[in-house]
Amino acid sequence: NIILPLIALGLCYIFSHYLKDEVKKSEFINDESPTTLKLFSHWIFIIKWIVPTTIITALLLAAIWG
């Protein structure tokens, strides 16, 4: 129950700190959809701040009420 959230945290960290912006854009931005370019900065913010915060909160709550 703890391994999967820890792996997800690690992937978020690697993605947000070690992956180059060109690679991130090539994976997310679709040439056929102009909205993906507008949503790219939101997506980066969510992966960098919201997802790890949610996972850590869930781990803490599981430890408290576990």
PDB file of N, CA and C in Angstrom:
ATOM      1  N   ASN A   1       0.801  -1.201   0.000  1.00  0.00           N
ATOM      2  CA  ASN A   1       0.000   0.000   0.000  1.00  0.00           C
ATOM      3  C   ASN A   1       0.845   1.267   0.000  1.00  0.00           C
ATOM      4  N   ILE A   2       2.110   1.131   0.269  1.00  0.00           N
ATOM      5  CA  ILE A   2       2.953   2.320   0.344  1.00  0.00           C
ATOM      6  C   ILE A   2       3.890   2.440  -0.861  1.00  0.00           C
ATOM      7  N   ILE A   3       4.171   1.339  -1.521  1.00  0.00           N
ATOM      8  CA  ILE A   3       5.136   1.352  -2.625  1.00  0.00           C
ATOM      9  C   ILE A   3       4.619   2.164  -3.817  1.00  0.00           C
ATOM     10  N   LEU A   4       3.393   1.957  -4.208  1.00  0.00           N
ATOM     11  CA  LEU A   4       2.842   2.649  -5.378  1.00  0.00           C
ATOM     12  C   LEU A   4       2.840   4.172  -5.201  1.00  0.00           C
ATOM     13  N   PRO A   5       2.394   4.709  -4.068  1.00  0.00           N
ATOM     14  CA  PRO A   5       2.478   6.163  -3.889  1.00  0.00           C
ATOM     15  C   PRO A   5       3.913   6.687  -3.887  1.00  0.00           C
ATOM     16  N   LEU A   6       4.841   5.923  -3.326  1.00  0.00           N
ATOM     17  CA  LEU A   6       6.233   6.360  -3.328  1.00  0.00           C
ATOM     18  C   LEU A   6       6.813   6.373  -4.742  1.00  0.00           C
ATOM     19  N   ILE A   7       6.457   5.400  -5.543  1.00  0.00           N
ATOM     20  CA  ILE A   7       6.893   5.380  -6.943  1.00  0.00           C
ATOM     21  C   ILE A   7       6.303   6.568  -7.696  1.00  0.00           C
ATOM     22  N   ALA A   8       5.034   6.866  -7.444  1.00  0.00           N
ATOM     23  CA  ALA A   8       4.394   8.014  -8.095  1.00  0.00           C
ATOM     24  C   ALA A   8       5.079   9.319  -7.689  1.00  0.00           C
ATOM     25  N   LEU A   9       5.445   9.447  -6.429  1.00  0.00           N
ATOM     26  CA  LEU A   9       6.179  10.641  -5.986  1.00  0.00           C
ATOM     27  C   LEU A   9       7.530  10.740  -6.688  1.00  0.00           C
ATOM     28  N   GLY A  10       8.209   9.621  -6.805  1.00  0.00           N
ATOM     29  CA  GLY A  10       9.496   9.611  -7.492  1.00  0.00           C
ATOM     30  C   GLY A  10       9.370   9.998  -8.951  1.00  0.00           C
ATOM     31  N   LEU A  11       8.351   9.486  -9.612  1.00  0.00           N
ATOM     32  CA  LEU A  11       8.137   9.831 -11.017  1.00  0.00           C
ATOM     33  C   LEU A  11       7.803  11.311 -11.185  1.00  0.00           C
ATOM     34  N   CYS A  12       6.994  11.858 -10.291  1.00  0.00           N
ATOM     35  CA  CYS A  12       6.681  13.294 -10.352  1.00  0.00           C
ATOM     36  C   CYS A  12       7.945  14.124 -10.166  1.00  0.00           C
ATOM     37  N   TYR A  13       8.790  13.701  -9.238  1.00  0.00           N
ATOM     38  CA  TYR A  13      10.034  14.430  -8.990  1.00  0.00           C
ATOM     39  C   TYR A  13      10.961  14.363 -10.198  1.00  0.00           C
ATOM     40  N   ILE A  14      11.130  13.179 -10.745  1.00  0.00           N
ATOM     41  CA  ILE A  14      11.991  13.018 -11.925  1.00  0.00           C
ATOM     42  C   ILE A  14      11.444  13.814 -13.093  1.00  0.00           C
ATOM     43  N   PHE A  15      10.143  13.735 -13.301  1.00  0.00           N
ATOM     44  CA  PHE A  15       9.537  14.451 -14.413  1.00  0.00           C
ATOM     45  C   PHE A  15       9.698  15.954 -14.269  1.00  0.00           C
ATOM     46  N   SER A  16       9.461  16.473 -13.089  1.00  0.00           N
ATOM     47  CA  SER A  16       9.476  17.926 -12.933  1.00  0.00           C
ATOM     48  C   SER A  16      10.880  18.513 -12.813  1.00  0.00           C
ATOM     49  N   HIS A  17      11.872  17.721 -12.411  1.00  0.00           N
ATOM     50  CA  HIS A  17      13.201  18.285 -12.196  1.00  0.00           C
ATOM     51  C   HIS A  17      14.253  17.840 -13.207  1.00  0.00           C
ATOM     52  N   TYR A  18      14.131  16.668 -13.770  1.00  0.00           N
ATOM     53  CA  TYR A  18      15.203  16.145 -14.608  1.00  0.00           C
ATOM     54  C   TYR A  18      14.868  16.047 -16.090  1.00  0.00           C
ATOM     55  N   LEU A  19      13.607  16.032 -16.442  1.00  0.00           N
ATOM     56  CA  LEU A  19      13.224  15.927 -17.840  1.00  0.00           C
ATOM     57  C   LEU A  19      13.291  17.302 -18.502  1.00  0.00           C
ATOM     58  N   LYS A  20      13.847  17.356 -19.692  1.00  0.00           N
ATOM     59  CA  LYS A  20      13.982  18.630 -20.396  1.00  0.00           C
ATOM     60  C   LYS A  20      12.617  19.123 -20.883  1.00  0.00           C
ATOM     61  N   ASP A  21      12.491  20.446 -20.994  1.00  0.00           N
ATOM     62  CA  ASP A  21      11.227  21.039 -21.426  1.00  0.00           C
ATOM     63  C   ASP A  21      10.825  20.596 -22.834  1.00  0.00           C
ATOM     64  N   GLU A  22      11.792  20.386 -23.707  1.00  0.00           N
ATOM     65  CA  GLU A  22      11.478  19.958 -25.065  1.00  0.00           C
ATOM     66  C   GLU A  22      10.804  18.588 -25.063  1.00  0.00           C
ATOM     67  N   VAL A  23      11.276  17.702 -24.202  1.00  0.00           N
ATOM     68  CA  VAL A  23      10.691  16.361 -24.114  1.00  0.00           C
ATOM     69  C   VAL A  23       9.283  16.446 -23.541  1.00  0.00           C
ATOM     70  N   LYS A  24       9.109  17.271 -22.517  1.00  0.00           N
ATOM     71  CA  LYS A  24       7.779  17.435 -21.922  1.00  0.00           C
ATOM     72  C   LYS A  24       6.790  17.969 -22.961  1.00  0.00           C
ATOM     73  N   LYS A  25       7.214  18.984 -23.695  1.00  0.00           N
ATOM     74  CA  LYS A  25       6.327  19.572 -24.708  1.00  0.00           C
ATOM     75  C   LYS A  25       6.022  18.589 -25.823  1.00  0.00           C
ATOM     76  N   SER A  26       7.003  17.810 -26.240  1.00  0.00           N
ATOM     77  CA  SER A  26       6.759  16.867 -27.327  1.00  0.00           C
ATOM     78  C   SER A  26       5.782  15.769 -26.910  1.00  0.00           C
ATOM     79  N   GLU A  27       5.774  15.429 -25.632  1.00  0.00           N
ATOM     80  CA  GLU A  27       4.849  14.403 -25.156  1.00  0.00           C
ATOM     81  C   GLU A  27       3.442  14.942 -24.932  1.00  0.00           C
ATOM     82  N   PHE A  28       3.330  16.187 -24.528  1.00  0.00           N
ATOM     83  CA  PHE A  28       2.019  16.717 -24.152  1.00  0.00           C
ATOM     84  C   PHE A  28       1.314  17.460 -25.278  1.00  0.00           C
ATOM     85  N   ILE A  29       2.050  18.242 -26.030  1.00  0.00           N
ATOM     86  CA  ILE A  29       1.430  19.111 -27.020  1.00  0.00           C
ATOM     87  C   ILE A  29       1.093  18.331 -28.278  1.00  0.00           C
ATOM     88  N   ASN A  30      -0.157  18.453 -28.673  1.00  0.00           N
ATOM     89  CA  ASN A  30      -0.671  17.807 -29.878  1.00  0.00           C
ATOM     90  C   ASN A  30      -0.813  18.888 -30.950  1.00  0.00           C
ATOM     91  N   ASP A  31      -0.218  18.659 -32.112  1.00  0.00           N
ATOM     92  CA  ASP A  31      -0.265  19.666 -33.178  1.00  0.00           C
ATOM     93  C   ASP A  31      -1.679  19.914 -33.692  1.00  0.00           C
ATOM     94  N   GLU A  32      -2.550  18.940 -33.556  1.00  0.00           N
ATOM     95  CA  GLU A  32      -3.917  19.081 -34.061  1.00  0.00           C
ATOM     96  C   GLU A  32      -4.828  19.835 -33.089  1.00  0.00           C
ATOM     97  N   SER A  33      -4.389  19.995 -31.856  1.00  0.00           N
ATOM     98  CA  SER A  33      -5.213  20.649 -30.844  1.00  0.00           C
ATOM     99  C   SER A  33      -4.476  21.856 -30.262  1.00  0.00           C
ATOM    100  N   PRO A  34      -4.907  23.060 -30.591  1.00  0.00           N
ATOM    101  CA  PRO A  34      -4.214  24.254 -30.074  1.00  0.00           C
ATOM    102  C   PRO A  34      -4.391  24.451 -28.569  1.00  0.00           C
ATOM    103  N   THR A  35      -5.379  23.821 -27.973  1.00  0.00           N
ATOM    104  CA  THR A  35      -5.589  24.003 -26.533  1.00  0.00           C
ATOM    105  C   THR A  35      -4.507  23.324 -25.703  1.00  0.00           C
ATOM    106  N   THR A  36      -3.834  22.321 -26.256  1.00  0.00           N
ATOM    107  CA  THR A  36      -2.795  21.665 -25.474  1.00  0.00           C
ATOM    108  C   THR A  36      -1.636  22.618 -25.186  1.00  0.00           C
ATOM    109  N   LEU A  37      -1.366  23.540 -26.082  1.00  0.00           N
ATOM    110  CA  LEU A  37      -0.316  24.531 -25.843  1.00  0.00           C
ATOM    111  C   LEU A  37      -0.699  25.453 -24.689  1.00  0.00           C
ATOM    112  N   LYS A  38      -1.987  25.810 -24.610  1.00  0.00           N
ATOM    113  CA  LYS A  38      -2.456  26.665 -23.523  1.00  0.00           C
ATOM    114  C   LYS A  38      -2.469  25.920 -22.189  1.00  0.00           C
ATOM    115  N   LEU A  39      -2.740  24.629 -22.219  1.00  0.00           N
ATOM    116  CA  LEU A  39      -2.842  23.848 -20.990  1.00  0.00           C
ATOM    117  C   LEU A  39      -1.501  23.320 -20.493  1.00  0.00           C
ATOM    118  N   PHE A  40      -0.448  23.469 -21.275  1.00  0.00           N
ATOM    119  CA  PHE A  40       0.851  22.911 -20.912  1.00  0.00           C
ATOM    120  C   PHE A  40       1.355  23.455 -19.583  1.00  0.00           C
ATOM    121  N   SER A  41       1.288  24.755 -19.373  1.00  0.00           N
ATOM    122  CA  SER A  41       1.781  25.331 -18.113  1.00  0.00           C
ATOM    123  C   SER A  41       0.947  24.860 -16.917  1.00  0.00           C
ATOM    124  N   HIS A  42      -0.340  24.672 -17.126  1.00  0.00           N
ATOM    125  CA  HIS A  42      -1.200  24.162 -16.058  1.00  0.00           C
ATOM    126  C   HIS A  42      -0.823  22.717 -15.714  1.00  0.00           C
ATOM    127  N   TRP A  43      -0.554  21.946 -16.736  1.00  0.00           N
ATOM    128  CA  TRP A  43      -0.187  20.554 -16.546  1.00  0.00           C
ATOM    129  C   TRP A  43       1.117  20.440 -15.761  1.00  0.00           C
ATOM    130  N   ILE A  44       2.099  21.264 -16.093  1.00  0.00           N
ATOM    131  CA  ILE A  44       3.374  21.255 -15.386  1.00  0.00           C
ATOM    132  C   ILE A  44       3.166  21.633 -13.916  1.00  0.00           C
ATOM    133  N   PHE A  45       2.346  22.643 -13.653  1.00  0.00           N
ATOM    134  CA  PHE A  45       2.058  23.057 -12.276  1.00  0.00           C
ATOM    135  C   PHE A  45       1.412  21.925 -11.487  1.00  0.00           C
ATOM    136  N   ILE A  46       0.463  21.243 -12.099  1.00  0.00           N
ATOM    137  CA  ILE A  46      -0.233  20.147 -11.418  1.00  0.00           C
ATOM    138  C   ILE A  46       0.733  19.010 -11.098  1.00  0.00           C
ATOM    139  N   ILE A  47       1.576  18.635 -12.060  1.00  0.00           N
ATOM    140  CA  ILE A  47       2.532  17.544 -11.839  1.00  0.00           C
ATOM    141  C   ILE A  47       3.575  17.932 -10.788  1.00  0.00           C
ATOM    142  N   LYS A  48       3.939  19.188 -10.743  1.00  0.00           N
ATOM    143  CA  LYS A  48       4.998  19.627  -9.834  1.00  0.00           C
ATOM    144  C   LYS A  48       4.498  19.879  -8.411  1.00  0.00           C
ATOM    145  N   TRP A  49       3.265  20.370  -8.244  1.00  0.00           N
ATOM    146  CA  TRP A  49       2.800  20.785  -6.921  1.00  0.00           C
ATOM    147  C   TRP A  49       1.568  20.043  -6.422  1.00  0.00           C
ATOM    148  N   ILE A  50       0.550  19.901  -7.240  1.00  0.00           N
ATOM    149  CA  ILE A  50      -0.721  19.351  -6.771  1.00  0.00           C
ATOM    150  C   ILE A  50      -0.635  17.838  -6.533  1.00  0.00           C
ATOM    151  N   VAL A  51      -0.088  17.112  -7.495  1.00  0.00           N
ATOM    152  CA  VAL A  51      -0.017  15.649  -7.373  1.00  0.00           C
ATOM    153  C   VAL A  51       0.837  15.218  -6.175  1.00  0.00           C
ATOM    154  N   PRO A  52       2.060  15.743  -6.014  1.00  0.00           N
ATOM    155  CA  PRO A  52       2.835  15.326  -4.833  1.00  0.00           C
ATOM    156  C   PRO A  52       2.173  15.693  -3.498  1.00  0.00           C
ATOM    157  N   THR A  53       1.553  16.859  -3.446  1.00  0.00           N
ATOM    158  CA  THR A  53       0.858  17.261  -2.220  1.00  0.00           C
ATOM    159  C   THR A  53      -0.280  16.307  -1.895  1.00  0.00           C
ATOM    160  N   THR A  54      -1.020  15.916  -2.903  1.00  0.00           N
ATOM    161  CA  THR A  54      -2.129  14.980  -2.712  1.00  0.00           C
ATOM    162  C   THR A  54      -1.626  13.610  -2.262  1.00  0.00           C
ATOM    163  N   ILE A  55      -0.564  13.134  -2.874  1.00  0.00           N
ATOM    164  CA  ILE A  55      -0.024  11.820  -2.513  1.00  0.00           C
ATOM    165  C   ILE A  55       0.523  11.840  -1.088  1.00  0.00           C
ATOM    166  N   ILE A  56       1.263  12.882  -0.739  1.00  0.00           N
ATOM    167  CA  ILE A  56       1.803  12.975   0.618  1.00  0.00           C
ATOM    168  C   ILE A  56       0.689  13.074   1.644  1.00  0.00           C
ATOM    169  N   THR A  57      -0.343  13.837   1.351  1.00  0.00           N
ATOM    170  CA  THR A  57      -1.493  13.938   2.258  1.00  0.00           C
ATOM    171  C   THR A  57      -2.161  12.579   2.434  1.00  0.00           C
ATOM    172  N   ALA A  58      -2.335  11.849   1.349  1.00  0.00           N
ATOM    173  CA  ALA A  58      -2.942  10.519   1.440  1.00  0.00           C
ATOM    174  C   ALA A  58      -2.073   9.568   2.256  1.00  0.00           C
ATOM    175  N   LEU A  59      -0.753   9.635   2.090  1.00  0.00           N
ATOM    176  CA  LEU A  59       0.139   8.787   2.880  1.00  0.00           C
ATOM    177  C   LEU A  59       0.068   9.135   4.365  1.00  0.00           C
ATOM    178  N   LEU A  60       0.041  10.417   4.659  1.00  0.00           N
ATOM    179  CA  LEU A  60      -0.060  10.835   6.076  1.00  0.00           C
ATOM    180  C   LEU A  60      -1.385  10.408   6.693  1.00  0.00           C
ATOM    181  N   LEU A  61      -2.451  10.564   5.945  1.00  0.00           N
ATOM    182  CA  LEU A  61      -3.752  10.143   6.465  1.00  0.00           C
ATOM    183  C   LEU A  61      -3.808   8.627   6.658  1.00  0.00           C
ATOM    184  N   ALA A  62      -3.205   7.889   5.754  1.00  0.00           N
ATOM    185  CA  ALA A  62      -3.163   6.426   5.900  1.00  0.00           C
ATOM    186  C   ALA A  62      -2.320   6.028   7.107  1.00  0.00           C
ATOM    187  N   ALA A  63      -1.257   6.780   7.379  1.00  0.00           N
ATOM    188  CA  ALA A  63      -0.418   6.468   8.545  1.00  0.00           C
ATOM    189  C   ALA A  63      -1.131   6.795   9.856  1.00  0.00           C
ATOM    190  N   ILE A  64      -1.902   7.862   9.845  1.00  0.00           N
ATOM    191  CA  ILE A  64      -2.614   8.258  11.060  1.00  0.00           C
ATOM    192  C   ILE A  64      -3.755   7.296  11.377  1.00  0.00           C
ATOM    193  N   TRP A  65      -4.571   6.998  10.350  1.00  0.00           N
ATOM    194  CA  TRP A  65      -5.744   6.147  10.578  1.00  0.00           C
ATOM    195  C   TRP A  65      -5.537   4.705  10.146  1.00  0.00           C
ATOM    196  N   GLY A  66      -4.336   4.382   9.706  1.00  0.00           N
ATOM    197  CA  GLY A  66      -3.994   3.108   9.132  1.00  0.00           C
ATOM    198  C   GLY A  66      -4.347   1.913   9.884  1.00  0.00           C
TER     199      GLY A  66
END
